[in-house]
Amino acid sequence: MTGMILDGVLMILLVAALGYGVRLEKKLAALRAGQLAFASAVVELNTAAGRAEAALGSLRDSGHETDLLHDRIVKAREVKAQLEALIARAPAEPRGLREEAPQPVAAPVAAPRPAPTPAARGQIAPAAVSDAERDRRMAALAERITGKAPPAASKSDRDNLVALLSVLTANQSAKDSVNRARRTLDEDLFAA
């Protein structure tokens, strides 16, 4: 009889151990699933941190370009002030200019169309235009702006105009690069 009692107690203990083992297995399965989810969350966090780091680098570069753009704007304003001072000092009666308006150049009718130049695409190419042509264009521009014929351009006036054109060209290229950097930064930020 004692052997049966001991066998009964042993069977009860085995059933309890089996039930506890089943519960422990369920908890371990939940822990493994949580560990996999945590690992995937760490990978996603690492990817997001990399994108944020790249966006910060782009933002820093954009800040440097903005500083350069600001410097160029300040220089352009100085050149503008100098040009306004030169225009204000100009004599009321132009000297040494022709009385007739410049004649437009007729385009050839049957000539093949050349590839677009930087000037045709809206970019300024100062080296491609001769000094005489540049002076003629600036005189026509000054005439349209002020409504009167401009004074004869001196060497310093020509240098100021060349400086203004180069500053405006640099200003436009800086604007383009800043806009490009902003677009990539926006894309990176909204992609995350």
N, C-alpha and C. Protein backbone atom coordinates (compact mmCIF):
# COMPACT_ATOMS: atom_id res chain seq x y z
N MET A 1 0.80 -1.16 0.00
CA MET A 1 0.00 0.00 0.00
C MET A 1 0.87 1.27 0.00
N THR A 2 1.90 1.21 0.71
CA THR A 2 2.81 2.34 0.78
C THR A 2 3.42 2.60 -0.62
N GLY A 3 3.67 1.55 -1.33
CA GLY A 3 4.23 1.73 -2.68
C GLY A 3 3.24 2.42 -3.61
N MET A 4 1.95 2.12 -3.43
CA MET A 4 0.95 2.75 -4.28
C MET A 4 0.79 4.23 -3.92
N ILE A 5 0.90 4.51 -2.65
CA ILE A 5 0.77 5.91 -2.22
C ILE A 5 1.95 6.70 -2.78
N LEU A 6 3.12 6.10 -2.67
CA LEU A 6 4.30 6.79 -3.19
C LEU A 6 4.21 6.93 -4.72
N ASP A 7 3.69 5.93 -5.39
CA ASP A 7 3.52 6.04 -6.84
C ASP A 7 2.50 7.13 -7.19
N GLY A 8 1.44 7.24 -6.40
CA GLY A 8 0.42 8.28 -6.62
C GLY A 8 1.00 9.66 -6.42
N VAL A 9 1.78 9.83 -5.35
CA VAL A 9 2.41 11.14 -5.08
C VAL A 9 3.37 11.48 -6.21
N LEU A 10 4.12 10.47 -6.64
CA LEU A 10 5.08 10.70 -7.72
C LEU A 10 4.36 11.08 -9.01
N MET A 11 3.22 10.47 -9.30
CA MET A 11 2.46 10.81 -10.50
C MET A 11 1.91 12.24 -10.40
N ILE A 12 1.45 12.61 -9.20
CA ILE A 12 0.94 13.98 -9.02
C ILE A 12 2.06 14.99 -9.23
N LEU A 13 3.21 14.69 -8.70
CA LEU A 13 4.36 15.59 -8.87
C LEU A 13 4.77 15.66 -10.35
N LEU A 14 4.74 14.55 -11.04
CA LEU A 14 5.09 14.56 -12.47
C LEU A 14 4.08 15.38 -13.29
N VAL A 15 2.80 15.26 -12.99
CA VAL A 15 1.78 16.04 -13.69
C VAL A 15 1.98 17.53 -13.41
N ALA A 16 2.29 17.89 -12.15
CA ALA A 16 2.53 19.30 -11.79
C ALA A 16 3.76 19.82 -12.53
N ALA A 17 4.82 19.00 -12.60
CA ALA A 17 6.04 19.41 -13.30
C ALA A 17 5.76 19.59 -14.79
N LEU A 18 4.95 18.69 -15.34
CA LEU A 18 4.59 18.79 -16.75
C LEU A 18 3.80 20.08 -17.02
N GLY A 19 2.85 20.40 -16.17
CA GLY A 19 2.07 21.65 -16.31
C GLY A 19 2.96 22.88 -16.19
N TYR A 20 3.88 22.83 -15.23
CA TYR A 20 4.81 23.95 -15.05
C TYR A 20 5.73 24.08 -16.27
N GLY A 21 6.17 22.98 -16.85
CA GLY A 21 7.01 22.99 -18.04
C GLY A 21 6.29 23.59 -19.23
N VAL A 22 4.99 23.28 -19.39
CA VAL A 22 4.19 23.83 -20.48
C VAL A 22 4.07 25.35 -20.32
N ARG A 23 3.80 25.81 -19.09
CA ARG A 23 3.69 27.26 -18.84
C ARG A 23 5.02 27.95 -19.11
N LEU A 24 6.12 27.32 -18.69
CA LEU A 24 7.45 27.89 -18.90
C LEU A 24 7.78 27.97 -20.39
N GLU A 25 7.39 26.97 -21.16
CA GLU A 25 7.62 26.97 -22.61
C GLU A 25 6.87 28.11 -23.28
N LYS A 26 5.62 28.38 -22.86
CA LYS A 26 4.85 29.48 -23.43
C LYS A 26 5.51 30.82 -23.13
N LYS A 27 6.01 30.97 -21.89
CA LYS A 27 6.69 32.23 -21.54
C LYS A 27 7.98 32.40 -22.33
N LEU A 28 8.74 31.32 -22.53
CA LEU A 28 9.97 31.39 -23.32
C LEU A 28 9.67 31.73 -24.78
N ALA A 29 8.60 31.18 -25.33
CA ALA A 29 8.21 31.50 -26.72
C ALA A 29 7.87 32.99 -26.84
N ALA A 30 7.14 33.53 -25.85
CA ALA A 30 6.80 34.97 -25.86
C ALA A 30 8.06 35.81 -25.73
N LEU A 31 9.03 35.36 -24.92
CA LEU A 31 10.29 36.08 -24.74
C LEU A 31 11.09 36.09 -26.04
N ARG A 32 11.13 34.95 -26.75
CA ARG A 32 11.84 34.88 -28.03
C ARG A 32 11.19 35.81 -29.06
N ALA A 33 9.87 35.84 -29.11
CA ALA A 33 9.17 36.73 -30.05
C ALA A 33 9.47 38.19 -29.70
N GLY A 34 9.50 38.51 -28.43
CA GLY A 34 9.83 39.88 -28.02
C GLY A 34 11.26 40.23 -28.37
N GLN A 35 12.16 39.25 -28.26
CA GLN A 35 13.56 39.49 -28.60
C GLN A 35 13.70 39.76 -30.10
N LEU A 36 12.99 39.04 -30.94
CA LEU A 36 13.04 39.28 -32.39
C LEU A 36 12.46 40.65 -32.75
N ALA A 37 11.36 41.01 -32.09
CA ALA A 37 10.78 42.34 -32.33
C ALA A 37 11.74 43.44 -31.89
N PHE A 38 12.42 43.22 -30.77
CA PHE A 38 13.38 44.19 -30.28
C PHE A 38 14.56 44.32 -31.25
N ALA A 39 15.02 43.19 -31.79
CA ALA A 39 16.12 43.23 -32.75
C ALA A 39 15.72 43.99 -34.01
N SER A 40 14.51 43.77 -34.51
CA SER A 40 14.06 44.51 -35.70
C SER A 40 13.90 46.00 -35.38
N ALA A 41 13.45 46.33 -34.17
CA ALA A 41 13.32 47.74 -33.78
C ALA A 41 14.69 48.40 -33.71
N VAL A 42 15.70 47.67 -33.24
CA VAL A 42 17.07 48.21 -33.18
C VAL A 42 17.60 48.46 -34.58
N VAL A 43 17.32 47.55 -35.52
CA VAL A 43 17.76 47.74 -36.91
C VAL A 43 17.09 48.97 -37.51
N GLU A 44 15.79 49.13 -37.30
CA GLU A 44 15.08 50.31 -37.82
C GLU A 44 15.60 51.59 -37.19
N LEU A 45 15.89 51.54 -35.89
CA LEU A 45 16.44 52.72 -35.21
C LEU A 45 17.81 53.08 -35.76
N ASN A 46 18.62 52.08 -36.05
CA ASN A 46 19.94 52.31 -36.62
C ASN A 46 19.82 52.95 -38.01
N THR A 47 18.88 52.46 -38.81
CA THR A 47 18.67 53.03 -40.15
C THR A 47 18.19 54.48 -40.04
N ALA A 48 17.26 54.74 -39.14
CA ALA A 48 16.75 56.11 -38.95
C ALA A 48 17.86 57.03 -38.45
N ALA A 49 18.72 56.52 -37.57
CA ALA A 49 19.84 57.35 -37.08
C ALA A 49 20.79 57.68 -38.22
N GLY A 50 21.04 56.73 -39.11
CA GLY A 50 21.90 56.99 -40.27
C GLY A 50 21.31 58.05 -41.18
N ARG A 51 20.00 57.96 -41.42
CA ARG A 51 19.34 58.98 -42.25
C ARG A 51 19.37 60.35 -41.58
N ALA A 52 19.17 60.38 -40.27
CA ALA A 52 19.21 61.65 -39.55
C ALA A 52 20.61 62.24 -39.60
N GLU A 53 21.61 61.39 -39.49
CA GLU A 53 23.00 61.88 -39.55
C GLU A 53 23.30 62.46 -40.93
N ALA A 54 22.84 61.77 -41.98
CA ALA A 54 23.03 62.28 -43.34
C ALA A 54 22.28 63.60 -43.53
N ALA A 55 21.08 63.70 -42.98
CA ALA A 55 20.29 64.94 -43.09
C ALA A 55 20.98 66.08 -42.35
N LEU A 56 21.57 65.78 -41.20
CA LEU A 56 22.30 66.83 -40.47
C LEU A 56 23.52 67.29 -41.25
N GLY A 57 24.23 66.35 -41.87
CA GLY A 57 25.37 66.74 -42.71
C GLY A 57 24.93 67.62 -43.86
N SER A 58 23.83 67.25 -44.49
CA SER A 58 23.28 68.06 -45.58
C SER A 58 22.85 69.44 -45.07
N LEU A 59 22.27 69.47 -43.87
CA LEU A 59 21.85 70.74 -43.29
C LEU A 59 23.07 71.62 -42.99
N ARG A 60 24.15 71.01 -42.48
CA ARG A 60 25.37 71.77 -42.24
C ARG A 60 25.92 72.35 -43.53
N ASP A 61 25.96 71.51 -44.60
CA ASP A 61 26.43 71.99 -45.89
C ASP A 61 25.54 73.12 -46.40
N SER A 62 24.25 72.96 -46.21
CA SER A 62 23.30 74.00 -46.63
C SER A 62 23.55 75.29 -45.86
N GLY A 63 23.88 75.15 -44.57
CA GLY A 63 24.20 76.34 -43.77
C GLY A 63 25.44 77.05 -44.29
N HIS A 64 26.46 76.26 -44.66
CA HIS A 64 27.67 76.87 -45.23
C HIS A 64 27.36 77.58 -46.54
N GLU A 65 26.56 76.93 -47.37
CA GLU A 65 26.18 77.55 -48.65
C GLU A 65 25.35 78.80 -48.42
N THR A 66 24.53 78.78 -47.40
CA THR A 66 23.72 79.96 -47.07
C THR A 66 24.62 81.11 -46.64
N ASP A 67 25.65 80.79 -45.85
CA ASP A 67 26.61 81.83 -45.45
C ASP A 67 27.30 82.41 -46.67
N LEU A 68 27.72 81.53 -47.60
CA LEU A 68 28.36 82.02 -48.82
C LEU A 68 27.40 82.89 -49.63
N LEU A 69 26.16 82.44 -49.70
CA LEU A 69 25.15 83.20 -50.44
C LEU A 69 24.94 84.57 -49.79
N HIS A 70 24.90 84.60 -48.46
CA HIS A 70 24.73 85.87 -47.76
C HIS A 70 25.90 86.81 -48.06
N ASP A 71 27.13 86.27 -48.04
CA ASP A 71 28.29 87.10 -48.36
C ASP A 71 28.20 87.65 -49.78
N ARG A 72 27.76 86.81 -50.69
CA ARG A 72 27.64 87.27 -52.08
C ARG A 72 26.56 88.33 -52.22
N ILE A 73 25.48 88.18 -51.47
CA ILE A 73 24.41 89.18 -51.52
C ILE A 73 24.92 90.51 -50.98
N VAL A 74 25.69 90.46 -49.89
CA VAL A 74 26.26 91.69 -49.32
C VAL A 74 27.18 92.36 -50.34
N LYS A 75 28.02 91.54 -51.00
CA LYS A 75 28.93 92.10 -52.02
C LYS A 75 28.14 92.67 -53.19
N ALA A 76 27.07 91.99 -53.58
CA ALA A 76 26.25 92.48 -54.69
C ALA A 76 25.58 93.81 -54.32
N ARG A 77 25.15 93.94 -53.07
CA ARG A 77 24.56 95.21 -52.64
C ARG A 77 25.59 96.33 -52.67
N GLU A 78 26.84 96.01 -52.28
CA GLU A 78 27.90 97.02 -52.33
C GLU A 78 28.14 97.45 -53.77
N VAL A 79 28.20 96.48 -54.68
CA VAL A 79 28.41 96.81 -56.09
C VAL A 79 27.23 97.62 -56.62
N LYS A 80 26.02 97.27 -56.19
CA LYS A 80 24.83 98.02 -56.61
C LYS A 80 24.92 99.46 -56.13
N ALA A 81 25.35 99.64 -54.87
CA ALA A 81 25.49 101.00 -54.34
C ALA A 81 26.54 101.77 -55.13
N GLN A 82 27.63 101.09 -55.48
CA GLN A 82 28.66 101.76 -56.28
C GLN A 82 28.12 102.14 -57.66
N LEU A 83 27.35 101.23 -58.27
CA LEU A 83 26.77 101.54 -59.57
C LEU A 83 25.78 102.70 -59.49
N GLU A 84 24.98 102.71 -58.43
CA GLU A 84 24.04 103.83 -58.27
C GLU A 84 24.79 105.14 -58.07
N ALA A 85 25.91 105.09 -57.33
CA ALA A 85 26.71 106.30 -57.15
C ALA A 85 27.30 106.74 -58.48
N LEU A 86 27.77 105.80 -59.30
CA LEU A 86 28.33 106.15 -60.61
C LEU A 86 27.25 106.73 -61.51
N ILE A 87 26.06 106.16 -61.46
CA ILE A 87 24.96 106.69 -62.29
C ILE A 87 24.58 108.10 -61.82
N ALA A 88 24.58 108.31 -60.50
CA ALA A 88 24.24 109.64 -59.98
C ALA A 88 25.29 110.67 -60.37
N ARG A 89 26.57 110.24 -60.46
CA ARG A 89 27.64 111.18 -60.81
C ARG A 89 27.75 111.41 -62.30
N ALA A 90 27.06 110.63 -63.09
CA ALA A 90 27.15 110.73 -64.54
C ALA A 90 26.67 112.10 -65.00
N PRO A 91 27.32 112.65 -66.01
CA PRO A 91 26.87 113.95 -66.52
C PRO A 91 25.50 113.82 -67.19
N ALA A 92 24.75 114.91 -67.17
CA ALA A 92 23.41 114.91 -67.74
C ALA A 92 23.47 114.77 -69.26
N GLU A 93 24.49 115.30 -69.89
CA GLU A 93 24.65 115.26 -71.35
C GLU A 93 25.65 114.16 -71.69
N PRO A 94 25.24 113.11 -72.37
CA PRO A 94 26.19 112.06 -72.73
C PRO A 94 27.20 112.57 -73.74
N ARG A 95 28.44 112.17 -73.54
CA ARG A 95 29.47 112.60 -74.47
C ARG A 95 30.08 111.39 -75.15
N GLY A 96 30.37 111.54 -76.40
CA GLY A 96 31.05 110.48 -77.13
C GLY A 96 30.14 109.34 -77.56
N LEU A 97 28.84 109.49 -77.43
CA LEU A 97 27.95 108.43 -77.88
C LEU A 97 27.33 108.79 -79.21
N ARG A 98 27.02 107.77 -79.96
CA ARG A 98 26.35 108.00 -81.23
C ARG A 98 24.92 108.44 -80.97
N GLU A 99 24.38 109.22 -81.86
CA GLU A 99 23.02 109.70 -81.72
C GLU A 99 22.01 108.64 -82.16
N GLU A 100 22.45 107.70 -83.00
CA GLU A 100 21.52 106.71 -83.51
C GLU A 100 21.45 105.52 -82.56
N ALA A 101 20.33 104.87 -82.57
CA ALA A 101 20.14 103.69 -81.73
C ALA A 101 20.86 102.51 -82.35
N PRO A 102 21.33 101.57 -81.53
CA PRO A 102 22.01 100.40 -82.11
C PRO A 102 21.03 99.58 -82.94
N GLN A 103 21.53 99.13 -84.10
CA GLN A 103 20.71 98.36 -85.01
C GLN A 103 20.71 96.89 -84.59
N PRO A 104 19.54 96.26 -84.60
CA PRO A 104 19.51 94.83 -84.26
C PRO A 104 20.17 94.01 -85.35
N VAL A 105 20.79 92.93 -84.96
CA VAL A 105 21.46 92.05 -85.90
C VAL A 105 20.43 91.06 -86.44
N ALA A 106 20.35 90.96 -87.78
CA ALA A 106 19.38 90.06 -88.38
C ALA A 106 19.92 88.64 -88.32
N ALA A 107 19.08 87.70 -87.94
CA ALA A 107 19.47 86.30 -87.87
C ALA A 107 19.40 85.69 -89.26
N PRO A 108 20.34 84.81 -89.62
CA PRO A 108 20.28 84.17 -90.94
C PRO A 108 19.04 83.28 -91.04
N VAL A 109 18.45 83.29 -92.22
CA VAL A 109 17.20 82.58 -92.41
C VAL A 109 17.43 81.07 -92.55
N ALA A 110 18.40 80.66 -93.36
CA ALA A 110 18.57 79.25 -93.66
C ALA A 110 19.65 78.58 -92.82
N ALA A 111 20.21 79.28 -91.86
CA ALA A 111 21.29 78.71 -91.05
C ALA A 111 20.73 77.66 -90.11
N PRO A 112 21.49 76.57 -89.90
CA PRO A 112 21.01 75.56 -88.95
C PRO A 112 21.07 76.11 -87.53
N ARG A 113 20.19 75.61 -86.70
CA ARG A 113 20.10 76.10 -85.32
C ARG A 113 21.26 75.54 -84.51
N PRO A 114 22.09 76.41 -83.89
CA PRO A 114 23.23 75.91 -83.10
C PRO A 114 22.74 75.35 -81.77
N ALA A 115 23.64 74.61 -81.12
CA ALA A 115 23.34 74.07 -79.78
C ALA A 115 23.19 75.24 -78.82
N PRO A 116 22.31 75.12 -77.84
CA PRO A 116 22.09 76.23 -76.91
C PRO A 116 23.35 76.56 -76.13
N THR A 117 23.65 77.83 -76.07
CA THR A 117 24.81 78.31 -75.32
C THR A 117 24.39 78.59 -73.89
N PRO A 118 25.36 78.81 -72.98
CA PRO A 118 24.97 79.15 -71.61
C PRO A 118 24.08 80.39 -71.55
N ALA A 119 24.32 81.37 -72.43
CA ALA A 119 23.50 82.58 -72.41
C ALA A 119 22.08 82.27 -72.86
N ALA A 120 21.93 81.31 -73.81
CA ALA A 120 20.59 80.95 -74.29
C ALA A 120 19.80 80.19 -73.24
N ARG A 121 20.49 79.52 -72.33
CA ARG A 121 19.81 78.79 -71.27
C ARG A 121 19.56 79.66 -70.06
N GLY A 122 19.83 80.93 -70.13
CA GLY A 122 19.58 81.81 -69.00
C GLY A 122 20.79 82.00 -68.12
N GLN A 123 21.93 81.45 -68.52
CA GLN A 123 23.14 81.62 -67.73
C GLN A 123 23.99 82.68 -68.39
N ILE A 124 24.79 83.34 -67.61
CA ILE A 124 25.65 84.40 -68.12
C ILE A 124 27.03 83.83 -68.32
N ALA A 125 27.56 84.01 -69.51
CA ALA A 125 28.92 83.57 -69.79
C ALA A 125 29.73 84.80 -70.16
N PRO A 126 30.35 85.50 -69.19
CA PRO A 126 31.03 86.75 -69.46
C PRO A 126 32.20 86.61 -70.43
N ALA A 127 32.88 85.48 -70.45
CA ALA A 127 34.05 85.34 -71.30
C ALA A 127 33.66 85.20 -72.77
N ALA A 128 32.44 84.77 -73.08
CA ALA A 128 32.02 84.53 -74.44
C ALA A 128 31.61 85.81 -75.16
N VAL A 129 31.41 86.91 -74.47
CA VAL A 129 30.94 88.16 -75.06
C VAL A 129 32.11 89.14 -75.09
N SER A 130 32.32 89.80 -76.26
CA SER A 130 33.41 90.75 -76.37
C SER A 130 33.10 92.00 -75.55
N ASP A 131 34.15 92.79 -75.26
CA ASP A 131 33.98 94.00 -74.47
C ASP A 131 33.07 95.01 -75.18
N ALA A 132 33.23 95.13 -76.47
CA ALA A 132 32.41 96.09 -77.22
C ALA A 132 30.93 95.68 -77.18
N GLU A 133 30.68 94.38 -77.36
CA GLU A 133 29.30 93.88 -77.31
C GLU A 133 28.72 94.07 -75.92
N ARG A 134 29.52 93.78 -74.89
CA ARG A 134 29.05 93.95 -73.51
C ARG A 134 28.73 95.42 -73.24
N ASP A 135 29.61 96.32 -73.69
CA ASP A 135 29.35 97.75 -73.50
C ASP A 135 28.07 98.18 -74.20
N ARG A 136 27.86 97.67 -75.41
CA ARG A 136 26.65 98.02 -76.16
C ARG A 136 25.40 97.53 -75.43
N ARG A 137 25.46 96.30 -74.92
CA ARG A 137 24.31 95.76 -74.20
C ARG A 137 24.03 96.53 -72.92
N MET A 138 25.09 96.85 -72.19
CA MET A 138 24.91 97.59 -70.94
C MET A 138 24.38 99.00 -71.22
N ALA A 139 24.82 99.61 -72.31
CA ALA A 139 24.31 100.93 -72.67
C ALA A 139 22.82 100.85 -73.00
N ALA A 140 22.43 99.81 -73.72
CA ALA A 140 21.01 99.65 -74.05
C ALA A 140 20.19 99.39 -72.79
N LEU A 141 20.74 98.60 -71.88
CA LEU A 141 20.04 98.32 -70.63
C LEU A 141 19.89 99.60 -69.80
N ALA A 142 20.96 100.39 -69.71
CA ALA A 142 20.89 101.63 -68.95
C ALA A 142 19.89 102.59 -69.59
N GLU A 143 19.84 102.58 -70.90
CA GLU A 143 18.88 103.43 -71.61
C GLU A 143 17.45 103.05 -71.27
N ARG A 144 17.18 101.74 -71.25
CA ARG A 144 15.83 101.28 -70.91
C ARG A 144 15.47 101.59 -69.46
N ILE A 145 16.43 101.47 -68.57
CA ILE A 145 16.16 101.69 -67.14
C ILE A 145 15.92 103.17 -66.86
N THR A 146 16.81 104.00 -67.30
CA THR A 146 16.72 105.42 -66.96
C THR A 146 15.88 106.21 -67.94
N GLY A 147 15.68 105.70 -69.13
CA GLY A 147 14.90 106.42 -70.12
C GLY A 147 15.72 107.45 -70.85
N LYS A 148 17.01 107.46 -70.64
CA LYS A 148 17.89 108.39 -71.36
C LYS A 148 19.16 107.66 -71.73
N ALA A 149 19.94 108.24 -72.59
CA ALA A 149 21.18 107.62 -73.04
C ALA A 149 22.20 107.64 -71.91
N PRO A 150 22.96 106.57 -71.72
CA PRO A 150 23.96 106.52 -70.66
C PRO A 150 25.22 107.27 -71.04
N PRO A 151 26.04 107.64 -70.05
CA PRO A 151 27.30 108.28 -70.36
C PRO A 151 28.27 107.27 -70.95
N ALA A 152 29.34 107.76 -71.54
CA ALA A 152 30.34 106.86 -72.09
C ALA A 152 30.95 106.04 -70.96
N ALA A 153 31.09 104.76 -71.19
CA ALA A 153 31.59 103.86 -70.15
C ALA A 153 33.10 103.98 -70.04
N SER A 154 33.57 104.22 -68.83
CA SER A 154 35.00 104.27 -68.59
C SER A 154 35.48 102.88 -68.23
N LYS A 155 36.80 102.74 -68.06
CA LYS A 155 37.39 101.44 -67.70
C LYS A 155 36.87 100.97 -66.34
N SER A 156 36.75 101.88 -65.36
CA SER A 156 36.27 101.48 -64.03
C SER A 156 34.80 101.08 -64.09
N ASP A 157 34.01 101.79 -64.93
CA ASP A 157 32.60 101.40 -65.09
C ASP A 157 32.49 100.00 -65.66
N ARG A 158 33.31 99.71 -66.67
CA ARG A 158 33.31 98.39 -67.28
C ARG A 158 33.72 97.33 -66.26
N ASP A 159 34.72 97.63 -65.44
CA ASP A 159 35.16 96.69 -64.42
C ASP A 159 34.05 96.46 -63.40
N ASN A 160 33.34 97.54 -63.04
CA ASN A 160 32.23 97.39 -62.10
C ASN A 160 31.11 96.53 -62.69
N LEU A 161 30.83 96.73 -63.98
CA LEU A 161 29.79 95.93 -64.62
C LEU A 161 30.19 94.46 -64.70
N VAL A 162 31.46 94.21 -65.03
CA VAL A 162 31.94 92.83 -65.08
C VAL A 162 31.84 92.21 -63.69
N ALA A 163 32.22 92.97 -62.65
CA ALA A 163 32.13 92.46 -61.29
C ALA A 163 30.68 92.16 -60.92
N LEU A 164 29.78 93.05 -61.32
CA LEU A 164 28.36 92.84 -61.04
C LEU A 164 27.84 91.59 -61.73
N LEU A 165 28.21 91.40 -62.99
CA LEU A 165 27.78 90.20 -63.72
C LEU A 165 28.33 88.94 -63.06
N SER A 166 29.58 88.96 -62.62
CA SER A 166 30.14 87.76 -61.99
C SER A 166 29.48 87.50 -60.65
N VAL A 167 29.15 88.56 -59.90
CA VAL A 167 28.47 88.38 -58.62
C VAL A 167 27.06 87.81 -58.84
N LEU A 168 26.36 88.33 -59.85
CA LEU A 168 25.02 87.82 -60.13
C LEU A 168 25.06 86.35 -60.57
N THR A 169 26.07 85.99 -61.38
CA THR A 169 26.22 84.59 -61.80
C THR A 169 26.49 83.70 -60.60
N ALA A 170 27.39 84.12 -59.73
CA ALA A 170 27.72 83.34 -58.53
C ALA A 170 26.50 83.26 -57.61
N ASN A 171 25.75 84.35 -57.52
CA ASN A 171 24.56 84.37 -56.69
C ASN A 171 23.54 83.34 -57.17
N GLN A 172 23.33 83.27 -58.47
CA GLN A 172 22.37 82.31 -59.02
C GLN A 172 22.82 80.88 -58.79
N SER A 173 24.11 80.60 -58.99
CA SER A 173 24.59 79.23 -58.78
C SER A 173 24.50 78.85 -57.31
N ALA A 174 24.73 79.79 -56.42
CA ALA A 174 24.60 79.50 -54.98
C ALA A 174 23.14 79.22 -54.63
N LYS A 175 22.22 80.00 -55.21
CA LYS A 175 20.80 79.76 -54.96
C LYS A 175 20.40 78.36 -55.41
N ASP A 176 20.89 77.97 -56.61
CA ASP A 176 20.56 76.65 -57.13
C ASP A 176 21.07 75.55 -56.21
N SER A 177 22.31 75.69 -55.73
CA SER A 177 22.87 74.63 -54.87
C SER A 177 22.15 74.59 -53.52
N VAL A 178 21.76 75.75 -52.98
CA VAL A 178 21.02 75.77 -51.72
C VAL A 178 19.65 75.12 -51.90
N ASN A 179 18.98 75.43 -53.02
CA ASN A 179 17.68 74.82 -53.27
C ASN A 179 17.80 73.31 -53.43
N ARG A 180 18.87 72.85 -54.12
CA ARG A 180 19.09 71.42 -54.28
C ARG A 180 19.30 70.77 -52.92
N ALA A 181 20.09 71.39 -52.05
CA ALA A 181 20.35 70.84 -50.72
C ALA A 181 19.08 70.80 -49.89
N ARG A 182 18.26 71.84 -50.00
CA ARG A 182 16.99 71.86 -49.25
C ARG A 182 16.06 70.75 -49.72
N ARG A 183 16.00 70.53 -51.04
CA ARG A 183 15.13 69.48 -51.55
C ARG A 183 15.58 68.11 -51.04
N THR A 184 16.88 67.83 -51.08
CA THR A 184 17.34 66.53 -50.60
C THR A 184 17.12 66.40 -49.11
N LEU A 185 17.28 67.49 -48.37
CA LEU A 185 17.05 67.45 -46.93
C LEU A 185 15.57 67.18 -46.64
N ASP A 186 14.69 67.86 -47.35
CA ASP A 186 13.27 67.62 -47.17
C ASP A 186 12.90 66.19 -47.51
N GLU A 187 13.47 65.68 -48.61
CA GLU A 187 13.18 64.30 -48.98
C GLU A 187 13.66 63.34 -47.90
N ASP A 188 14.86 63.58 -47.36
CA ASP A 188 15.39 62.70 -46.31
C ASP A 188 14.54 62.77 -45.04
N LEU A 189 14.12 63.96 -44.68
CA LEU A 189 13.34 64.11 -43.45
C LEU A 189 11.96 63.48 -43.58
N PHE A 190 11.31 63.65 -44.74
CA PHE A 190 9.98 63.11 -44.90
C PHE A 190 10.01 61.62 -45.22
N ALA A 191 11.15 61.11 -45.68
CA ALA A 191 11.27 59.67 -45.94
C ALA A 191 11.31 58.91 -44.63
N ALA A 192 11.84 59.55 -43.58
CA ALA A 192 11.94 58.88 -42.28
C ALA A 192 10.62 58.86 -41.63
